[in-house]
PDB file of all heavy atoms in Angstrom:
ATOM      1  N   MET A   1      -9.593   9.741  -0.736  1.00  0.00           N
ATOM      2  CA  MET A   1      -9.539   9.821   0.725  1.00  0.00           C
ATOM      3  C   MET A   1      -8.270  10.422   1.308  1.00  0.00           C
ATOM      4  O   MET A   1      -8.207  10.649   2.501  1.00  0.00           O
ATOM      5  CB  MET A   1      -9.761   8.421   1.300  1.00  0.00           C
ATOM      6  CG  MET A   1     -11.116   7.877   0.895  1.00  0.00           C
ATOM      7  SD  MET A   1     -11.443   6.149   1.247  1.00  0.00           S
ATOM      8  CE  MET A   1     -10.977   5.919   2.898  1.00  0.00           C
ATOM      9  N   GLY A   2      -7.231  10.617   0.515  1.00  0.00           N
ATOM     10  CA  GLY A   2      -6.019  11.231   1.022  1.00  0.00           C
ATOM     11  C   GLY A   2      -4.893  10.249   1.274  1.00  0.00           C
ATOM     12  O   GLY A   2      -5.062   9.030   1.175  1.00  0.00           O
ATOM     13  N   PRO A   3      -3.715  10.775   1.622  1.00  0.00           N
ATOM     14  CA  PRO A   3      -2.517   9.933   1.731  1.00  0.00           C
ATOM     15  C   PRO A   3      -2.540   8.910   2.864  1.00  0.00           C
ATOM     16  O   PRO A   3      -2.036   7.803   2.702  1.00  0.00           O
ATOM     17  CB  PRO A   3      -1.389  10.945   1.937  1.00  0.00           C
ATOM     18  CG  PRO A   3      -2.030  12.194   2.405  1.00  0.00           C
ATOM     19  CD  PRO A   3      -3.422  12.191   1.856  1.00  0.00           C
ATOM     20  N   TRP A   4      -3.107   9.253   4.003  1.00  0.00           N
ATOM     21  CA  TRP A   4      -3.071   8.322   5.134  1.00  0.00           C
ATOM     22  C   TRP A   4      -3.986   7.129   4.892  1.00  0.00           C
ATOM     23  O   TRP A   4      -3.621   5.989   5.214  1.00  0.00           O
ATOM     24  CB  TRP A   4      -3.415   9.035   6.440  1.00  0.00           C
ATOM     25  CG  TRP A   4      -2.362  10.033   6.804  1.00  0.00           C
ATOM     26  CD1 TRP A   4      -2.456  11.396   6.739  1.00  0.00           C
ATOM     27  CD2 TRP A   4      -1.029   9.757   7.225  1.00  0.00           C
ATOM     28  NE1 TRP A   4      -1.269  11.978   7.115  1.00  0.00           N
ATOM     29  CE2 TRP A   4      -0.368  10.994   7.422  1.00  0.00           C
ATOM     30  CE3 TRP A   4      -0.319   8.587   7.474  1.00  0.00           C
ATOM     31  CZ2 TRP A   4       0.956  11.077   7.839  1.00  0.00           C
ATOM     32  CZ3 TRP A   4       1.001   8.683   7.893  1.00  0.00           C
ATOM     33  CH2 TRP A   4       1.611   9.909   8.073  1.00  0.00           C
ATOM     34  N   TYR A   5      -5.164   7.373   4.344  1.00  0.00           N
ATOM     35  CA  TYR A   5      -6.055   6.256   4.029  1.00  0.00           C
ATOM     36  C   TYR A   5      -5.467   5.406   2.911  1.00  0.00           C
ATOM     37  O   TYR A   5      -5.601   4.181   2.908  1.00  0.00           O
ATOM     38  CB  TYR A   5      -7.444   6.759   3.632  1.00  0.00           C
ATOM     39  CG  TYR A   5      -8.315   7.068   4.817  1.00  0.00           C
ATOM     40  CD1 TYR A   5      -8.432   8.366   5.296  1.00  0.00           C
ATOM     41  CD2 TYR A   5      -9.020   6.065   5.461  1.00  0.00           C
ATOM     42  CE1 TYR A   5      -9.230   8.648   6.396  1.00  0.00           C
ATOM     43  CE2 TYR A   5      -9.823   6.336   6.565  1.00  0.00           C
ATOM     44  CZ  TYR A   5      -9.918   7.632   7.023  1.00  0.00           C
ATOM     45  OH  TYR A   5     -10.706   7.905   8.112  1.00  0.00           O
ATOM     46  N   SER A   6      -4.823   6.035   1.954  1.00  0.00           N
ATOM     47  CA  SER A   6      -4.202   5.292   0.864  1.00  0.00           C
ATOM     48  C   SER A   6      -3.066   4.418   1.390  1.00  0.00           C
ATOM     49  O   SER A   6      -2.914   3.265   0.972  1.00  0.00           O
ATOM     50  CB  SER A   6      -3.692   6.266  -0.200  1.00  0.00           C
ATOM     51  OG  SER A   6      -3.201   5.569  -1.306  1.00  0.00           O
ATOM     52  N   LEU A   7      -2.277   4.949   2.306  1.00  0.00           N
ATOM     53  CA  LEU A   7      -1.208   4.167   2.928  1.00  0.00           C
ATOM     54  C   LEU A   7      -1.788   2.976   3.691  1.00  0.00           C
ATOM     55  O   LEU A   7      -1.300   1.851   3.570  1.00  0.00           O
ATOM     56  CB  LEU A   7      -0.384   5.053   3.865  1.00  0.00           C
ATOM     57  CG  LEU A   7       0.710   4.362   4.673  1.00  0.00           C
ATOM     58  CD1 LEU A   7       1.768   3.762   3.764  1.00  0.00           C
ATOM     59  CD2 LEU A   7       1.332   5.338   5.660  1.00  0.00           C
ATOM     60  N   LEU A   8      -2.839   3.215   4.452  1.00  0.00           N
ATOM     61  CA  LEU A   8      -3.486   2.135   5.202  1.00  0.00           C
ATOM     62  C   LEU A   8      -4.052   1.085   4.248  1.00  0.00           C
ATOM     63  O   LEU A   8      -3.875  -0.121   4.460  1.00  0.00           O
ATOM     64  CB  LEU A   8      -4.590   2.709   6.098  1.00  0.00           C
ATOM     65  CG  LEU A   8      -5.387   1.713   6.938  1.00  0.00           C
ATOM     66  CD1 LEU A   8      -4.465   0.945   7.890  1.00  0.00           C
ATOM     67  CD2 LEU A   8      -6.485   2.439   7.707  1.00  0.00           C
ATOM     68  N   CYS A   9      -4.707   1.529   3.194  1.00  0.00           N
ATOM     69  CA  CYS A   9      -5.287   0.615   2.202  1.00  0.00           C
ATOM     70  C   CYS A   9      -4.199  -0.245   1.564  1.00  0.00           C
ATOM     71  O   CYS A   9      -4.337  -1.468   1.474  1.00  0.00           O
ATOM     72  CB  CYS A   9      -6.038   1.430   1.148  1.00  0.00           C
ATOM     73  SG  CYS A   9      -6.874   0.447  -0.106  1.00  0.00           S
ATOM     74  N   ALA A  10      -3.106   0.376   1.124  1.00  0.00           N
ATOM     75  CA  ALA A  10      -2.017  -0.360   0.482  1.00  0.00           C
ATOM     76  C   ALA A  10      -1.378  -1.362   1.450  1.00  0.00           C
ATOM     77  O   ALA A  10      -1.025  -2.476   1.053  1.00  0.00           O
ATOM     78  CB  ALA A  10      -0.964   0.611  -0.043  1.00  0.00           C
ATOM     79  N   THR A  11      -1.246  -0.979   2.713  1.00  0.00           N
ATOM     80  CA  THR A  11      -0.651  -1.869   3.708  1.00  0.00           C
ATOM     81  C   THR A  11      -1.538  -3.090   3.946  1.00  0.00           C
ATOM     82  O   THR A  11      -1.057  -4.228   3.959  1.00  0.00           O
ATOM     83  CB  THR A  11      -0.407  -1.114   5.027  1.00  0.00           C
ATOM     84  OG1 THR A  11       0.443   0.008   4.762  1.00  0.00           O
ATOM     85  CG2 THR A  11       0.230  -2.016   6.074  1.00  0.00           C
ATOM     86  N   ILE A  12      -2.830  -2.862   4.113  1.00  0.00           N
ATOM     87  CA  ILE A  12      -3.752  -3.977   4.355  1.00  0.00           C
ATOM     88  C   ILE A  12      -3.796  -4.903   3.144  1.00  0.00           C
ATOM     89  O   ILE A  12      -3.739  -6.136   3.291  1.00  0.00           O
ATOM     90  CB  ILE A  12      -5.160  -3.455   4.715  1.00  0.00           C
ATOM     91  CG1 ILE A  12      -5.134  -2.720   6.054  1.00  0.00           C
ATOM     92  CG2 ILE A  12      -6.165  -4.607   4.756  1.00  0.00           C
ATOM     93  CD1 ILE A  12      -6.420  -1.962   6.374  1.00  0.00           C
ATOM     94  N   ILE A  13      -3.872  -4.330   1.940  1.00  0.00           N
ATOM     95  CA  ILE A  13      -3.884  -5.156   0.726  1.00  0.00           C
ATOM     96  C   ILE A  13      -2.597  -5.975   0.640  1.00  0.00           C
ATOM     97  O   ILE A  13      -2.633  -7.173   0.354  1.00  0.00           O
ATOM     98  CB  ILE A  13      -4.065  -4.288  -0.532  1.00  0.00           C
ATOM     99  CG1 ILE A  13      -5.473  -3.701  -0.588  1.00  0.00           C
ATOM    100  CG2 ILE A  13      -3.785  -5.106  -1.805  1.00  0.00           C
ATOM    101  CD1 ILE A  13      -5.666  -2.652  -1.677  1.00  0.00           C
ATOM    102  N   GLY A  14      -1.454  -5.332   0.899  1.00  0.00           N
ATOM    103  CA  GLY A  14      -0.180  -6.041   0.833  1.00  0.00           C
ATOM    104  C   GLY A  14      -0.101  -7.197   1.811  1.00  0.00           C
ATOM    105  O   GLY A  14       0.333  -8.296   1.454  1.00  0.00           O
ATOM    106  N   VAL A  15      -0.525  -6.960   3.034  1.00  0.00           N
ATOM    107  CA  VAL A  15      -0.491  -8.015   4.054  1.00  0.00           C
ATOM    108  C   VAL A  15      -1.421  -9.162   3.658  1.00  0.00           C
ATOM    109  O   VAL A  15      -1.056 -10.345   3.762  1.00  0.00           O
ATOM    110  CB  VAL A  15      -0.845  -7.444   5.445  1.00  0.00           C
ATOM    111  CG1 VAL A  15      -1.092  -8.553   6.454  1.00  0.00           C
ATOM    112  CG2 VAL A  15       0.248  -6.505   5.929  1.00  0.00           C
ATOM    113  N   LEU A  16      -2.613  -8.843   3.171  1.00  0.00           N
ATOM    114  CA  LEU A  16      -3.551  -9.894   2.748  1.00  0.00           C
ATOM    115  C   LEU A  16      -3.008 -10.682   1.563  1.00  0.00           C
ATOM    116  O   LEU A  16      -3.134 -11.912   1.512  1.00  0.00           O
ATOM    117  CB  LEU A  16      -4.915  -9.292   2.408  1.00  0.00           C
ATOM    118  CG  LEU A  16      -5.728  -8.766   3.585  1.00  0.00           C
ATOM    119  CD1 LEU A  16      -6.992  -8.072   3.101  1.00  0.00           C
ATOM    120  CD2 LEU A  16      -6.073  -9.888   4.552  1.00  0.00           C
ATOM    121  N   ARG A  17      -2.405 -10.003   0.615  1.00  0.00           N
ATOM    122  CA  ARG A  17      -1.837 -10.688  -0.550  1.00  0.00           C
ATOM    123  C   ARG A  17      -0.677 -11.589  -0.132  1.00  0.00           C
ATOM    124  O   ARG A  17      -0.533 -12.693  -0.659  1.00  0.00           O
ATOM    125  CB  ARG A  17      -1.376  -9.672  -1.597  1.00  0.00           C
ATOM    126  CG  ARG A  17      -2.540  -8.987  -2.293  1.00  0.00           C
ATOM    127  CD  ARG A  17      -2.099  -7.933  -3.276  1.00  0.00           C
ATOM    128  NE  ARG A  17      -1.329  -8.547  -4.348  1.00  0.00           N
ATOM    129  CZ  ARG A  17      -0.263  -7.980  -4.912  1.00  0.00           C
ATOM    130  NH1 ARG A  17       0.159  -6.794  -4.526  1.00  0.00           N
ATOM    131  NH2 ARG A  17       0.368  -8.593  -5.891  1.00  0.00           N
ATOM    132  N   MET A  18       0.139 -11.121   0.793  1.00  0.00           N
ATOM    133  CA  MET A  18       1.251 -11.943   1.275  1.00  0.00           C
ATOM    134  C   MET A  18       0.728 -13.164   2.035  1.00  0.00           C
ATOM    135  O   MET A  18       1.233 -14.278   1.859  1.00  0.00           O
ATOM    136  CB  MET A  18       2.184 -11.114   2.156  1.00  0.00           C
ATOM    137  CG  MET A  18       3.013 -10.124   1.368  1.00  0.00           C
ATOM    138  SD  MET A  18       3.907  -8.879   2.335  1.00  0.00           S
ATOM    139  CE  MET A  18       4.521  -9.725   3.729  1.00  0.00           C
ATOM    140  N   ALA A  19      -0.281 -12.968   2.868  1.00  0.00           N
ATOM    141  CA  ALA A  19      -0.797 -14.043   3.711  1.00  0.00           C
ATOM    142  C   ALA A  19      -1.587 -15.087   2.922  1.00  0.00           C
ATOM    143  O   ALA A  19      -1.420 -16.287   3.146  1.00  0.00           O
ATOM    144  CB  ALA A  19      -1.678 -13.466   4.814  1.00  0.00           C
ATOM    145  N   PHE A  20      -2.428 -14.643   1.997  1.00  0.00           N
ATOM    146  CA  PHE A  20      -3.342 -15.577   1.337  1.00  0.00           C
ATOM    147  C   PHE A  20      -2.941 -15.965  -0.079  1.00  0.00           C
ATOM    148  O   PHE A  20      -3.434 -16.960  -0.601  1.00  0.00           O
ATOM    149  CB  PHE A  20      -4.761 -15.010   1.326  1.00  0.00           C
ATOM    150  CG  PHE A  20      -5.335 -14.857   2.695  1.00  0.00           C
ATOM    151  CD1 PHE A  20      -5.624 -13.602   3.202  1.00  0.00           C
ATOM    152  CD2 PHE A  20      -5.565 -15.950   3.506  1.00  0.00           C
ATOM    153  CE1 PHE A  20      -6.150 -13.445   4.475  1.00  0.00           C
ATOM    154  CE2 PHE A  20      -6.076 -15.813   4.778  1.00  0.00           C
ATOM    155  CZ  PHE A  20      -6.376 -14.550   5.270  1.00  0.00           C
ATOM    156  N   MET A  21      -2.075 -15.181  -0.710  1.00  0.00           N
ATOM    157  CA  MET A  21      -1.714 -15.470  -2.096  1.00  0.00           C
ATOM    158  C   MET A  21      -0.250 -15.857  -2.252  1.00  0.00           C
ATOM    159  O   MET A  21       0.208 -16.093  -3.366  1.00  0.00           O
ATOM    160  CB  MET A  21      -2.020 -14.260  -2.985  1.00  0.00           C
ATOM    161  CG  MET A  21      -3.475 -13.904  -3.061  1.00  0.00           C
ATOM    162  SD  MET A  21      -3.674 -12.429  -4.071  1.00  0.00           S
ATOM    163  CE  MET A  21      -5.431 -12.215  -4.009  1.00  0.00           C
ATOM    164  N   GLY A  22       0.498 -15.857  -1.156  1.00  0.00           N
ATOM    165  CA  GLY A  22       1.895 -16.240  -1.219  1.00  0.00           C
ATOM    166  C   GLY A  22       2.782 -15.247  -1.956  1.00  0.00           C
ATOM    167  O   GLY A  22       3.838 -15.594  -2.465  1.00  0.00           O
ATOM    168  N   ILE A  23       2.362 -13.988  -2.024  1.00  0.00           N
ATOM    169  CA  ILE A  23       3.131 -12.947  -2.697  1.00  0.00           C
ATOM    170  C   ILE A  23       4.311 -12.578  -1.798  1.00  0.00           C
ATOM    171  O   ILE A  23       4.172 -12.479  -0.581  1.00  0.00           O
ATOM    172  CB  ILE A  23       2.242 -11.700  -2.961  1.00  0.00           C
ATOM    173  CG1 ILE A  23       0.961 -12.069  -3.698  1.00  0.00           C
ATOM    174  CG2 ILE A  23       3.007 -10.614  -3.694  1.00  0.00           C
ATOM    175  CD1 ILE A  23       1.132 -12.601  -5.077  1.00  0.00           C
ATOM    176  N   PRO A  24       5.499 -12.349  -2.372  1.00  0.00           N
ATOM    177  CA  PRO A  24       6.654 -11.948  -1.557  1.00  0.00           C
ATOM    178  C   PRO A  24       6.467 -10.537  -0.988  1.00  0.00           C
ATOM    179  O   PRO A  24       5.503  -9.844  -1.334  1.00  0.00           O
ATOM    180  CB  PRO A  24       7.824 -12.009  -2.555  1.00  0.00           C
ATOM    181  CG  PRO A  24       7.216 -11.880  -3.889  1.00  0.00           C
ATOM    182  CD  PRO A  24       5.847 -12.488  -3.794  1.00  0.00           C
ATOM    183  N   PRO A  25       7.393 -10.086  -0.167  1.00  0.00           N
ATOM    184  CA  PRO A  25       7.279  -8.744   0.432  1.00  0.00           C
ATOM    185  C   PRO A  25       7.177  -7.601  -0.580  1.00  0.00           C
ATOM    186  O   PRO A  25       6.938  -6.463  -0.198  1.00  0.00           O
ATOM    187  CB  PRO A  25       8.557  -8.622   1.273  1.00  0.00           C
ATOM    188  CG  PRO A  25       8.953 -10.015   1.569  1.00  0.00           C
ATOM    189  CD  PRO A  25       8.531 -10.824   0.388  1.00  0.00           C
ATOM    190  N   LEU A  26       7.342  -7.894  -1.860  1.00  0.00           N
ATOM    191  CA  LEU A  26       7.144  -6.867  -2.888  1.00  0.00           C
ATOM    192  C   LEU A  26       5.724  -6.309  -2.819  1.00  0.00           C
ATOM    193  O   LEU A  26       5.469  -5.188  -3.272  1.00  0.00           O
ATOM    194  CB  LEU A  26       7.389  -7.444  -4.286  1.00  0.00           C
ATOM    195  CG  LEU A  26       8.804  -7.916  -4.592  1.00  0.00           C
ATOM    196  CD1 LEU A  26       8.855  -8.566  -5.965  1.00  0.00           C
ATOM    197  CD2 LEU A  26       9.779  -6.760  -4.512  1.00  0.00           C
ATOM    198  N   ALA A  27       4.791  -7.074  -2.250  1.00  0.00           N
ATOM    199  CA  ALA A  27       3.418  -6.600  -2.102  1.00  0.00           C
ATOM    200  C   ALA A  27       3.358  -5.350  -1.222  1.00  0.00           C
ATOM    201  O   ALA A  27       2.466  -4.516  -1.387  1.00  0.00           O
ATOM    202  CB  ALA A  27       2.538  -7.702  -1.510  1.00  0.00           C
ATOM    203  N   LEU A  28       4.302  -5.217  -0.320  1.00  0.00           N
ATOM    204  CA  LEU A  28       4.352  -4.013   0.528  1.00  0.00           C
ATOM    205  C   LEU A  28       5.299  -2.961  -0.037  1.00  0.00           C
ATOM    206  O   LEU A  28       4.929  -1.796  -0.164  1.00  0.00           O
ATOM    207  CB  LEU A  28       4.776  -4.376   1.955  1.00  0.00           C
ATOM    208  CG  LEU A  28       3.713  -5.046   2.802  1.00  0.00           C
ATOM    209  CD1 LEU A  28       4.280  -5.480   4.144  1.00  0.00           C
ATOM    210  CD2 LEU A  28       2.528  -4.135   3.004  1.00  0.00           C
ATOM    211  N   THR A  29       6.532  -3.378  -0.366  1.00  0.00           N
ATOM    212  CA  THR A  29       7.498  -2.385  -0.857  1.00  0.00           C
ATOM    213  C   THR A  29       7.059  -1.774  -2.176  1.00  0.00           C
ATOM    214  O   THR A  29       7.422  -0.642  -2.486  1.00  0.00           O
ATOM    215  CB  THR A  29       8.900  -3.004  -1.027  1.00  0.00           C
ATOM    216  OG1 THR A  29       8.828  -4.080  -1.971  1.00  0.00           O
ATOM    217  CG2 THR A  29       9.451  -3.477   0.288  1.00  0.00           C
ATOM    218  N   GLY A  30       6.268  -2.507  -2.947  1.00  0.00           N
ATOM    219  CA  GLY A  30       5.790  -2.005  -4.224  1.00  0.00           C
ATOM    220  C   GLY A  30       4.478  -1.272  -4.127  1.00  0.00           C
ATOM    221  O   GLY A  30       3.852  -0.988  -5.145  1.00  0.00           O
ATOM    222  N   ALA A  31       4.040  -0.944  -2.924  1.00  0.00           N
ATOM    223  CA  ALA A  31       2.749  -0.283  -2.795  1.00  0.00           C
ATOM    224  C   ALA A  31       2.748   0.905  -1.839  1.00  0.00           C
ATOM    225  O   ALA A  31       2.203   1.955  -2.159  1.00  0.00           O
ATOM    226  CB  ALA A  31       1.688  -1.294  -2.359  1.00  0.00           C
ATOM    227  N   VAL A  32       3.317   0.747  -0.672  1.00  0.00           N
ATOM    228  CA  VAL A  32       3.111   1.746   0.378  1.00  0.00           C
ATOM    229  C   VAL A  32       3.729   3.103   0.083  1.00  0.00           C
ATOM    230  O   VAL A  32       3.128   4.139   0.374  1.00  0.00           O
ATOM    231  CB  VAL A  32       3.576   1.221   1.756  1.00  0.00           C
ATOM    232  CG1 VAL A  32       2.739   0.034   2.196  1.00  0.00           C
ATOM    233  CG2 VAL A  32       5.049   0.857   1.766  1.00  0.00           C
ATOM    234  N   PHE A  33       4.916   3.141  -0.495  1.00  0.00           N
ATOM    235  CA  PHE A  33       5.566   4.435  -0.754  1.00  0.00           C
ATOM    236  C   PHE A  33       4.806   5.222  -1.822  1.00  0.00           C
ATOM    237  O   PHE A  33       4.590   6.419  -1.684  1.00  0.00           O
ATOM    238  CB  PHE A  33       7.029   4.228  -1.164  1.00  0.00           C
ATOM    239  CG  PHE A  33       7.819   3.468  -0.142  1.00  0.00           C
ATOM    240  CD1 PHE A  33       8.128   2.129  -0.335  1.00  0.00           C
ATOM    241  CD2 PHE A  33       8.229   4.083   1.025  1.00  0.00           C
ATOM    242  CE1 PHE A  33       8.841   1.425   0.618  1.00  0.00           C
ATOM    243  CE2 PHE A  33       8.948   3.387   1.985  1.00  0.00           C
ATOM    244  CZ  PHE A  33       9.255   2.049   1.781  1.00  0.00           C
ATOM    245  N   GLY A  34       4.408   4.530  -2.867  1.00  0.00           N
ATOM    246  CA  GLY A  34       3.652   5.180  -3.935  1.00  0.00           C
ATOM    247  C   GLY A  34       2.278   5.621  -3.482  1.00  0.00           C
ATOM    248  O   GLY A  34       1.808   6.694  -3.856  1.00  0.00           O
ATOM    249  N   ALA A  35       1.620   4.802  -2.683  1.00  0.00           N
ATOM    250  CA  ALA A  35       0.286   5.152  -2.195  1.00  0.00           C
ATOM    251  C   ALA A  35       0.328   6.453  -1.396  1.00  0.00           C
ATOM    252  O   ALA A  35      -0.480   7.360  -1.616  1.00  0.00           O
ATOM    253  CB  ALA A  35      -0.272   4.016  -1.337  1.00  0.00           C
ATOM    254  N   PHE A  36       1.264   6.537  -0.486  1.00  0.00           N
ATOM    255  CA  PHE A  36       1.362   7.737   0.349  1.00  0.00           C
ATOM    256  C   PHE A  36       1.781   8.963  -0.470  1.00  0.00           C
ATOM    257  O   PHE A  36       1.161  10.020  -0.375  1.00  0.00           O
ATOM    258  CB  PHE A  36       2.339   7.501   1.502  1.00  0.00           C
ATOM    259  CG  PHE A  36       2.402   8.647   2.461  1.00  0.00           C
ATOM    260  CD1 PHE A  36       1.357   8.888   3.339  1.00  0.00           C
ATOM    261  CD2 PHE A  36       3.490   9.498   2.484  1.00  0.00           C
ATOM    262  CE1 PHE A  36       1.394   9.954   4.226  1.00  0.00           C
ATOM    263  CE2 PHE A  36       3.540  10.569   3.368  1.00  0.00           C
ATOM    264  CZ  PHE A  36       2.492  10.795   4.245  1.00  0.00           C
ATOM    265  N   LEU A  37       2.819   8.814  -1.279  1.00  0.00           N
ATOM    266  CA  LEU A  37       3.303   9.947  -2.064  1.00  0.00           C
ATOM    267  C   LEU A  37       2.267  10.416  -3.086  1.00  0.00           C
ATOM    268  O   LEU A  37       2.166  11.606  -3.375  1.00  0.00           O
ATOM    269  CB  LEU A  37       4.617   9.585  -2.761  1.00  0.00           C
ATOM    270  CG  LEU A  37       5.409  10.735  -3.355  1.00  0.00           C
ATOM    271  CD1 LEU A  37       5.697  11.816  -2.316  1.00  0.00           C
ATOM    272  CD2 LEU A  37       6.707  10.231  -3.959  1.00  0.00           C
ATOM    273  N   SER A  38       1.464   9.498  -3.585  1.00  0.00           N
ATOM    274  CA  SER A  38       0.390   9.855  -4.507  1.00  0.00           C
ATOM    275  C   SER A  38      -0.589  10.824  -3.841  1.00  0.00           C
ATOM    276  O   SER A  38      -0.950  11.857  -4.417  1.00  0.00           O
ATOM    277  CB  SER A  38      -0.348   8.582  -4.953  1.00  0.00           C
ATOM    278  OG  SER A  38      -1.442   8.882  -5.759  1.00  0.00           O
ATOM    279  N   GLY A  39      -0.996  10.502  -2.639  1.00  0.00           N
ATOM    280  CA  GLY A  39      -1.913  11.382  -1.915  1.00  0.00           C
ATOM    281  C   GLY A  39      -1.291  12.708  -1.535  1.00  0.00           C
ATOM    282  O   GLY A  39      -1.937  13.758  -1.601  1.00  0.00           O
ATOM    283  N   VAL A  40      -0.010  12.677  -1.162  1.00  0.00           N
ATOM    284  CA  VAL A  40       0.680  13.916  -0.786  1.00  0.00           C
ATOM    285  C   VAL A  40       0.790  14.854  -1.984  1.00  0.00           C
ATOM    286  O   VAL A  40       0.485  16.048  -1.886  1.00  0.00           O
ATOM    287  CB  VAL A  40       2.083  13.602  -0.191  1.00  0.00           C
ATOM    288  CG1 VAL A  40       2.916  14.859  -0.077  1.00  0.00           C
ATOM    289  CG2 VAL A  40       1.943  12.920   1.165  1.00  0.00           C
ATOM    290  N   LEU A  41       1.216  14.333  -3.133  1.00  0.00           N
ATOM    291  CA  LEU A  41       1.361  15.185  -4.312  1.00  0.00           C
ATOM    292  C   LEU A  41       0.011  15.657  -4.850  1.00  0.00           C
ATOM    293  O   LEU A  41      -0.104  16.769  -5.360  1.00  0.00           O
ATOM    294  CB  LEU A  41       2.149  14.474  -5.415  1.00  0.00           C
ATOM    295  CG  LEU A  41       3.636  14.288  -5.157  1.00  0.00           C
ATOM    296  CD1 LEU A  41       4.341  13.721  -6.384  1.00  0.00           C
ATOM    297  CD2 LEU A  41       4.310  15.574  -4.721  1.00  0.00           C
ATOM    298  N   TYR A  42      -1.020  14.825  -4.720  1.00  0.00           N
ATOM    299  CA  TYR A  42      -2.362  15.248  -5.143  1.00  0.00           C
ATOM    300  C   TYR A  42      -2.807  16.459  -4.318  1.00  0.00           C
ATOM    301  O   TYR A  42      -3.296  17.445  -4.859  1.00  0.00           O
ATOM    302  CB  TYR A  42      -3.356  14.099  -4.991  1.00  0.00           C
ATOM    303  CG  TYR A  42      -4.773  14.487  -5.344  1.00  0.00           C
ATOM    304  CD1 TYR A  42      -5.146  14.650  -6.671  1.00  0.00           C
ATOM    305  CD2 TYR A  42      -5.732  14.686  -4.360  1.00  0.00           C
ATOM    306  CE1 TYR A  42      -6.443  15.011  -7.006  1.00  0.00           C
ATOM    307  CE2 TYR A  42      -7.021  15.041  -4.679  1.00  0.00           C
ATOM    308  CZ  TYR A  42      -7.381  15.202  -6.007  1.00  0.00           C
ATOM    309  OH  TYR A  42      -8.667  15.570  -6.330  1.00  0.00           O
ATOM    310  N   ARG A  43      -2.610  16.383  -3.020  1.00  0.00           N
ATOM    311  CA  ARG A  43      -2.996  17.507  -2.157  1.00  0.00           C
ATOM    312  C   ARG A  43      -2.096  18.716  -2.354  1.00  0.00           C
ATOM    313  O   ARG A  43      -2.561  19.854  -2.374  1.00  0.00           O
ATOM    314  CB  ARG A  43      -2.993  17.082  -0.699  1.00  0.00           C
ATOM    315  CG  ARG A  43      -4.181  16.221  -0.365  1.00  0.00           C
ATOM    316  CD  ARG A  43      -4.421  16.144   1.102  1.00  0.00           C
ATOM    317  NE  ARG A  43      -5.643  15.408   1.344  1.00  0.00           N
ATOM    318  CZ  ARG A  43      -5.951  14.894   2.516  1.00  0.00           C
ATOM    319  NH1 ARG A  43      -5.136  15.043   3.531  1.00  0.00           N
ATOM    320  NH2 ARG A  43      -7.078  14.248   2.659  1.00  0.00           N
TER     321      ARG A  43
END
């Protein structure tokens, strides 16, 4: 789906994991940059 959808997906997953699974903020910092850059480099 591309970099923007991947960024949105990673952000939503991170927020849900933090809220419901007690995961620290690593759920966001360990996902959003890679998700976006993955889509950018693929394109």
